N, C-alpha and C. Protein backbone atom coordinates (compact mmCIF):
# COMPACT_ATOMS: atom_id res chain seq x y z
N MET A 1 -11.45 58.07 17.94
CA MET A 1 -11.29 57.47 16.88
C MET A 1 -10.86 56.05 17.25
N LYS A 2 -9.93 55.84 17.77
CA LYS A 2 -9.88 54.27 18.23
C LYS A 2 -11.01 53.47 18.60
N ARG A 3 -11.83 54.39 19.71
CA ARG A 3 -13.00 53.86 20.41
C ARG A 3 -13.85 53.62 19.47
N ILE A 4 -13.98 54.46 18.14
CA ILE A 4 -14.98 54.12 17.29
C ILE A 4 -14.34 52.65 16.26
N LEU A 5 -13.24 52.54 15.85
CA LEU A 5 -12.52 51.62 15.28
C LEU A 5 -12.99 50.11 16.09
N ALA A 6 -12.70 50.43 17.50
CA ALA A 6 -12.84 49.20 18.44
C ALA A 6 -14.45 48.81 18.41
N THR A 7 -15.51 49.92 18.41
CA THR A 7 -16.69 49.48 18.35
C THR A 7 -17.26 48.72 17.07
N GLY A 8 -16.48 49.34 15.91
CA GLY A 8 -17.03 48.65 14.69
C GLY A 8 -16.41 47.48 14.59
N ALA A 9 -15.30 47.12 15.20
CA ALA A 9 -14.83 45.86 15.00
C ALA A 9 -15.32 44.68 15.87
N ALA A 10 -16.12 45.15 16.90
CA ALA A 10 -16.67 44.42 17.66
C ALA A 10 -18.06 44.08 17.28
N ILE A 11 -18.77 45.06 16.68
CA ILE A 11 -19.96 44.81 15.84
C ILE A 11 -19.86 43.86 14.69
N GLY A 12 -18.86 44.19 14.06
CA GLY A 12 -18.53 43.21 12.61
C GLY A 12 -18.24 41.74 13.17
N LEU A 13 -17.47 41.68 14.42
CA LEU A 13 -17.43 40.26 14.88
C LEU A 13 -18.68 39.57 15.31
N ALA A 14 -19.31 40.49 15.79
CA ALA A 14 -20.55 39.89 16.58
C ALA A 14 -21.58 39.60 15.08
N LEU A 15 -21.63 40.31 14.20
CA LEU A 15 -22.44 40.10 12.95
C LEU A 15 -21.88 38.83 12.27
N LEU A 16 -20.55 38.49 12.21
CA LEU A 16 -20.04 37.37 11.73
C LEU A 16 -20.30 36.17 12.36
N ALA A 17 -20.33 36.22 13.52
CA ALA A 17 -20.21 35.15 14.60
C ALA A 17 -21.98 34.65 14.16
N SER A 18 -22.64 35.67 14.23
CA SER A 18 -24.54 35.27 14.21
C SER A 18 -24.61 34.61 12.87
N ALA A 19 -23.83 35.11 11.68
CA ALA A 19 -24.13 34.76 10.40
C ALA A 19 -23.59 33.40 10.13
N CYS A 20 -22.51 32.87 10.90
CA CYS A 20 -22.24 31.52 11.01
C CYS A 20 -22.53 30.61 11.67
N SER A 21 -23.43 31.19 12.83
CA SER A 21 -24.07 30.09 13.73
C SER A 21 -25.78 30.22 13.19
N ASN A 22 -25.95 28.62 13.13
CA ASN A 22 -27.37 28.67 12.85
C ASN A 22 -27.95 27.54 13.98
N ASP A 23 -28.65 28.09 15.07
CA ASP A 23 -29.22 27.43 16.07
C ASP A 23 -30.30 26.74 15.65
N SER A 24 -31.02 26.87 14.46
CA SER A 24 -32.16 26.35 13.99
C SER A 24 -32.07 25.08 13.53
N GLU A 25 -30.65 24.68 13.02
CA GLU A 25 -30.15 23.54 12.57
C GLU A 25 -29.63 22.75 13.12
N PRO A 26 -29.39 21.84 13.77
CA PRO A 26 -28.62 20.88 14.38
C PRO A 26 -27.04 20.49 13.67
N ALA A 27 -25.85 20.46 14.08
CA ALA A 27 -24.84 20.02 13.72
C ALA A 27 -25.12 18.64 13.34
N THR A 28 -24.68 18.29 12.02
CA THR A 28 -24.24 16.94 11.60
C THR A 28 -23.06 16.40 11.44
N THR A 29 -22.66 15.20 11.45
CA THR A 29 -21.53 14.37 11.27
C THR A 29 -21.65 13.48 10.32
N LYS A 30 -20.59 13.29 9.63
CA LYS A 30 -20.73 12.10 8.25
C LYS A 30 -19.45 11.49 8.54
N THR A 31 -19.80 9.76 8.66
CA THR A 31 -18.92 9.08 8.56
C THR A 31 -18.42 8.45 7.58
N VAL A 32 -16.96 8.48 7.18
CA VAL A 32 -17.04 7.95 5.84
C VAL A 32 -15.87 6.72 6.07
N THR A 33 -16.37 5.46 5.31
CA THR A 33 -15.65 4.33 5.55
C THR A 33 -14.98 4.00 4.30
N THR A 34 -13.44 3.90 4.28
CA THR A 34 -12.90 3.56 3.04
C THR A 34 -12.16 2.08 3.04
N GLN A 35 -12.18 1.38 2.31
CA GLN A 35 -11.56 0.14 2.24
C GLN A 35 -10.27 0.12 1.83
N ALA A 36 -9.19 -0.61 2.42
CA ALA A 36 -7.67 -0.41 2.12
C ALA A 36 -7.66 -1.16 0.46
N THR A 37 -6.90 -0.97 -0.22
CA THR A 37 -6.67 -1.43 -1.39
C THR A 37 -4.94 -1.35 -1.70
N SER A 38 -4.68 -2.34 -2.42
CA SER A 38 -3.22 -2.47 -2.79
C SER A 38 -2.77 -1.43 -3.86
N VAL A 39 -1.72 -0.47 -3.42
CA VAL A 39 -1.32 0.29 -4.40
C VAL A 39 -0.47 -0.02 -5.53
N ILE A 40 0.14 -1.36 -5.17
CA ILE A 40 1.04 -2.02 -6.38
C ILE A 40 0.14 -3.17 -6.91
N PRO A 41 0.14 -2.69 -8.34
CA PRO A 41 -0.76 -3.87 -9.05
C PRO A 41 -0.43 -5.24 -9.07
N THR A 42 -0.84 -6.36 -9.22
CA THR A 42 -0.34 -7.37 -9.31
C THR A 42 0.32 -8.10 -10.53
N THR A 43 -0.03 -7.21 -11.88
CA THR A 43 0.69 -7.53 -13.11
C THR A 43 1.28 -6.47 -13.50
N GLY A 44 1.86 -6.74 -14.60
CA GLY A 44 2.34 -5.38 -15.47
C GLY A 44 3.99 -4.81 -14.77
N ARG A 45 4.18 -3.88 -15.50
CA ARG A 45 5.46 -3.35 -15.61
C ARG A 45 5.87 -2.74 -14.08
N LEU A 46 4.78 -2.11 -13.35
CA LEU A 46 5.01 -1.75 -11.99
C LEU A 46 5.08 -3.00 -11.15
N ALA A 47 4.01 -4.03 -11.37
CA ALA A 47 4.38 -4.93 -10.29
C ALA A 47 5.75 -5.57 -10.37
N ASP A 48 6.31 -5.66 -11.87
CA ASP A 48 7.82 -6.34 -12.18
C ASP A 48 8.90 -5.15 -11.41
N ALA A 49 8.90 -3.93 -11.55
CA ALA A 49 9.54 -3.17 -10.75
C ALA A 49 9.29 -3.22 -9.30
N ALA A 50 8.37 -3.41 -8.80
CA ALA A 50 7.90 -3.50 -7.51
C ALA A 50 8.81 -4.82 -6.90
N PHE A 51 8.39 -6.07 -7.50
CA PHE A 51 9.18 -7.12 -7.26
C PHE A 51 10.82 -7.09 -7.28
N LEU A 52 11.10 -6.62 -8.15
CA LEU A 52 12.78 -6.40 -8.19
C LEU A 52 13.21 -5.71 -7.12
N ASP A 53 12.70 -4.47 -7.02
CA ASP A 53 12.86 -3.69 -5.80
C ASP A 53 12.84 -4.05 -4.33
N GLU A 54 12.01 -4.84 -4.41
CA GLU A 54 11.87 -5.70 -3.09
C GLU A 54 13.07 -6.70 -2.97
N LEU A 55 13.21 -7.57 -3.97
CA LEU A 55 14.34 -8.44 -3.99
C LEU A 55 15.40 -7.35 -3.62
N ASP A 56 16.10 -6.05 -4.26
CA ASP A 56 17.18 -5.37 -3.91
C ASP A 56 17.07 -5.14 -2.69
N SER A 57 16.05 -4.73 -2.33
CA SER A 57 16.01 -4.06 -0.67
C SER A 57 16.27 -5.13 0.17
N ARG A 58 15.99 -6.50 -0.09
CA ARG A 58 16.24 -7.46 0.97
C ARG A 58 17.59 -8.23 0.84
N GLY A 59 18.31 -7.32 -0.06
CA GLY A 59 19.94 -7.76 -0.49
C GLY A 59 20.01 -9.09 -1.34
N MET A 60 19.16 -9.58 -2.08
CA MET A 60 19.16 -10.28 -2.93
C MET A 60 20.15 -9.98 -4.43
N GLN A 61 21.08 -10.65 -4.84
CA GLN A 61 21.63 -10.06 -5.77
C GLN A 61 20.77 -10.20 -7.27
N ARG A 62 20.66 -9.58 -7.91
CA ARG A 62 19.87 -9.56 -9.01
C ARG A 62 20.57 -10.27 -10.32
N GLU A 63 20.06 -11.27 -10.85
CA GLU A 63 20.34 -11.97 -11.92
C GLU A 63 19.69 -10.80 -13.11
N ASP A 64 19.71 -11.84 -14.00
CA ASP A 64 18.68 -11.35 -15.18
C ASP A 64 17.15 -10.97 -14.66
N SER A 65 16.78 -9.65 -15.13
CA SER A 65 15.59 -9.32 -14.39
C SER A 65 14.34 -10.23 -14.92
N ASP A 66 14.52 -10.52 -16.31
CA ASP A 66 13.45 -11.54 -16.83
C ASP A 66 13.41 -12.59 -16.25
N THR A 67 14.22 -13.38 -15.84
CA THR A 67 14.32 -14.76 -15.30
C THR A 67 14.02 -14.62 -13.97
N ARG A 68 14.15 -13.52 -13.25
CA ARG A 68 13.58 -13.03 -11.76
C ARG A 68 12.11 -13.15 -11.79
N ILE A 69 11.78 -12.17 -12.57
CA ILE A 69 10.19 -11.99 -12.98
C ILE A 69 9.55 -13.17 -12.85
N GLN A 70 10.14 -14.26 -14.10
CA GLN A 70 9.62 -15.19 -14.75
C GLN A 70 9.31 -16.22 -13.34
N ARG A 71 10.43 -16.26 -12.61
CA ARG A 71 10.47 -17.05 -11.39
C ARG A 71 9.31 -16.51 -10.43
N GLY A 72 9.29 -15.24 -10.03
CA GLY A 72 8.26 -14.72 -9.37
C GLY A 72 6.96 -15.06 -9.45
N VAL A 73 6.63 -14.90 -10.84
CA VAL A 73 5.13 -15.10 -11.58
C VAL A 73 4.81 -16.85 -11.38
N SER A 74 6.12 -17.71 -11.44
CA SER A 74 5.85 -19.17 -11.46
C SER A 74 5.45 -19.48 -10.01
N ILE A 75 6.51 -18.87 -9.30
CA ILE A 75 5.92 -19.14 -7.79
C ILE A 75 4.64 -19.30 -7.44
N CYS A 76 4.10 -17.79 -8.00
CA CYS A 76 2.78 -17.81 -7.74
C CYS A 76 1.49 -18.56 -8.20
N SER A 77 1.98 -19.17 -9.42
CA SER A 77 1.12 -19.92 -9.98
C SER A 77 1.28 -21.42 -9.53
N ASN A 78 2.49 -21.89 -9.02
CA ASN A 78 2.33 -22.87 -8.05
C ASN A 78 1.83 -22.91 -6.58
N LEU A 79 2.01 -21.72 -6.09
CA LEU A 79 1.29 -21.77 -4.62
C LEU A 79 -0.48 -21.34 -4.98
N LYS A 80 -0.79 -20.86 -6.05
CA LYS A 80 -2.34 -21.09 -6.46
C LYS A 80 -2.65 -22.46 -6.83
N GLU A 81 -1.80 -23.13 -7.16
CA GLU A 81 -2.16 -24.54 -7.38
C GLU A 81 -2.20 -25.38 -6.32
N GLY A 82 -1.76 -25.22 -5.28
CA GLY A 82 -1.65 -25.91 -3.93
C GLY A 82 -0.47 -26.31 -3.17
N ASP A 83 0.61 -25.69 -4.00
CA ASP A 83 1.78 -26.07 -3.49
C ASP A 83 2.24 -25.19 -1.96
N THR A 84 3.12 -25.69 -1.04
CA THR A 84 3.19 -24.91 0.02
C THR A 84 4.44 -23.97 -0.35
N VAL A 85 4.72 -22.91 0.80
CA VAL A 85 5.89 -22.65 0.66
C VAL A 85 7.01 -23.34 0.89
N GLN A 86 6.68 -24.45 1.86
CA GLN A 86 8.14 -25.48 1.93
C GLN A 86 8.18 -26.19 0.65
N ASP A 87 7.18 -26.43 -0.05
CA ASP A 87 7.41 -27.15 -1.38
C ASP A 87 8.26 -26.18 -2.36
N MET A 88 7.76 -25.16 -2.41
CA MET A 88 8.58 -24.18 -3.04
C MET A 88 10.10 -23.74 -2.82
N VAL A 89 10.37 -23.98 -1.50
CA VAL A 89 11.76 -23.94 -0.65
C VAL A 89 12.21 -25.05 -1.42
N ASP A 90 11.83 -26.13 -1.46
CA ASP A 90 12.38 -27.34 -1.62
C ASP A 90 12.82 -27.43 -3.20
N THR A 91 11.86 -26.80 -3.93
CA THR A 91 12.04 -27.03 -5.51
C THR A 91 13.14 -26.02 -5.79
N MET A 92 13.41 -25.06 -4.96
CA MET A 92 14.54 -23.84 -5.40
C MET A 92 15.90 -24.14 -4.84
N ALA A 93 15.91 -25.13 -4.06
CA ALA A 93 17.06 -25.71 -3.37
C ALA A 93 18.52 -26.04 -4.06
N TRP A 94 17.93 -26.02 -5.39
CA TRP A 94 19.26 -26.56 -6.58
C TRP A 94 20.05 -25.27 -6.41
N LYS A 95 19.35 -23.75 -6.34
CA LYS A 95 19.91 -22.74 -6.56
C LYS A 95 20.13 -21.71 -5.39
N TYR A 96 19.11 -21.68 -4.48
CA TYR A 96 19.16 -21.04 -3.34
C TYR A 96 19.48 -21.90 -2.13
N ASN A 97 19.96 -21.11 -0.86
CA ASN A 97 19.83 -21.77 0.37
C ASN A 97 18.07 -21.23 0.87
N ALA A 98 17.76 -22.09 1.85
CA ALA A 98 16.49 -21.74 2.48
C ALA A 98 16.15 -20.12 2.62
N ALA A 99 16.90 -19.51 3.17
CA ALA A 99 16.66 -18.29 3.56
C ALA A 99 16.49 -17.48 2.17
N GLN A 100 17.19 -17.67 1.26
CA GLN A 100 17.19 -16.89 -0.09
C GLN A 100 15.89 -17.04 -0.73
N ALA A 101 15.67 -18.45 -0.68
CA ALA A 101 14.44 -19.03 -1.44
C ALA A 101 13.16 -18.19 -0.86
N ARG A 102 13.25 -18.21 0.90
CA ARG A 102 11.86 -17.60 1.30
C ARG A 102 11.84 -16.26 1.01
N ILE A 103 12.74 -15.46 0.74
CA ILE A 103 12.97 -14.10 0.32
C ILE A 103 12.49 -13.87 -0.81
N ILE A 104 12.75 -14.88 -1.86
CA ILE A 104 11.91 -14.76 -3.27
C ILE A 104 10.73 -15.00 -3.04
N ILE A 105 10.12 -15.95 -2.37
CA ILE A 105 8.78 -16.37 -2.43
C ILE A 105 7.99 -15.35 -1.69
N SER A 106 8.81 -14.98 -0.78
CA SER A 106 7.87 -13.50 0.16
C SER A 106 7.64 -12.54 -0.79
N ALA A 107 8.78 -12.07 -1.64
CA ALA A 107 8.57 -11.22 -2.63
C ALA A 107 7.47 -11.15 -3.59
N SER A 108 7.35 -12.61 -4.03
CA SER A 108 6.33 -13.14 -5.15
C SER A 108 5.01 -12.78 -4.81
N GLN A 109 4.82 -13.27 -3.31
CA GLN A 109 3.60 -13.21 -2.54
C GLN A 109 3.30 -11.91 -2.61
N ASN A 110 3.91 -10.84 -2.02
CA ASN A 110 3.95 -9.53 -1.62
C ASN A 110 3.04 -8.67 -2.85
N VAL A 111 3.89 -8.97 -4.04
CA VAL A 111 3.49 -8.15 -5.01
C VAL A 111 2.79 -9.31 -5.97
N TYR A 112 3.01 -10.49 -6.60
CA TYR A 112 2.33 -11.07 -7.56
C TYR A 112 0.94 -11.61 -7.17
N CYS A 113 0.95 -12.24 -5.99
CA CYS A 113 -0.14 -13.03 -5.42
C CYS A 113 -0.17 -12.71 -3.93
N PRO A 114 -0.72 -11.75 -3.42
CA PRO A 114 -0.95 -11.47 -1.81
C PRO A 114 -1.96 -12.57 -1.33
N GLU A 115 -2.99 -12.81 -2.13
CA GLU A 115 -3.90 -13.64 -1.57
C GLU A 115 -3.27 -15.20 -1.01
N THR A 116 -2.04 -15.41 -1.33
CA THR A 116 -1.55 -16.80 -1.06
C THR A 116 -0.71 -16.61 0.19
N LYS A 117 -0.59 -15.51 0.86
CA LYS A 117 -0.07 -15.45 2.15
C LYS A 117 -0.85 -16.16 3.24
């Protein structure tokens, strides 16, 4: 009985292997190329939340969220109009030291205007 089952199993495997193998058609491969895209939108509530989260994660004490968001958007507007990062650091010197200003500018660029990096 064991021999009959073993023979039946061997025949079944042979049939399965021949059904899965088709020597008349060569195997083909397909290459798929994707383009990396940002997962964070550059406008809207998700962008604002990402901006505030980045500031928090980098140790910046959060003031009023609306003020911080407005500042981040304004920084990007100025950078898009031709100001340099150093121009922005100098502009923010009345409230932040250079390291703090660079953190805010970097977070702004990361979220609101990555094209200005």
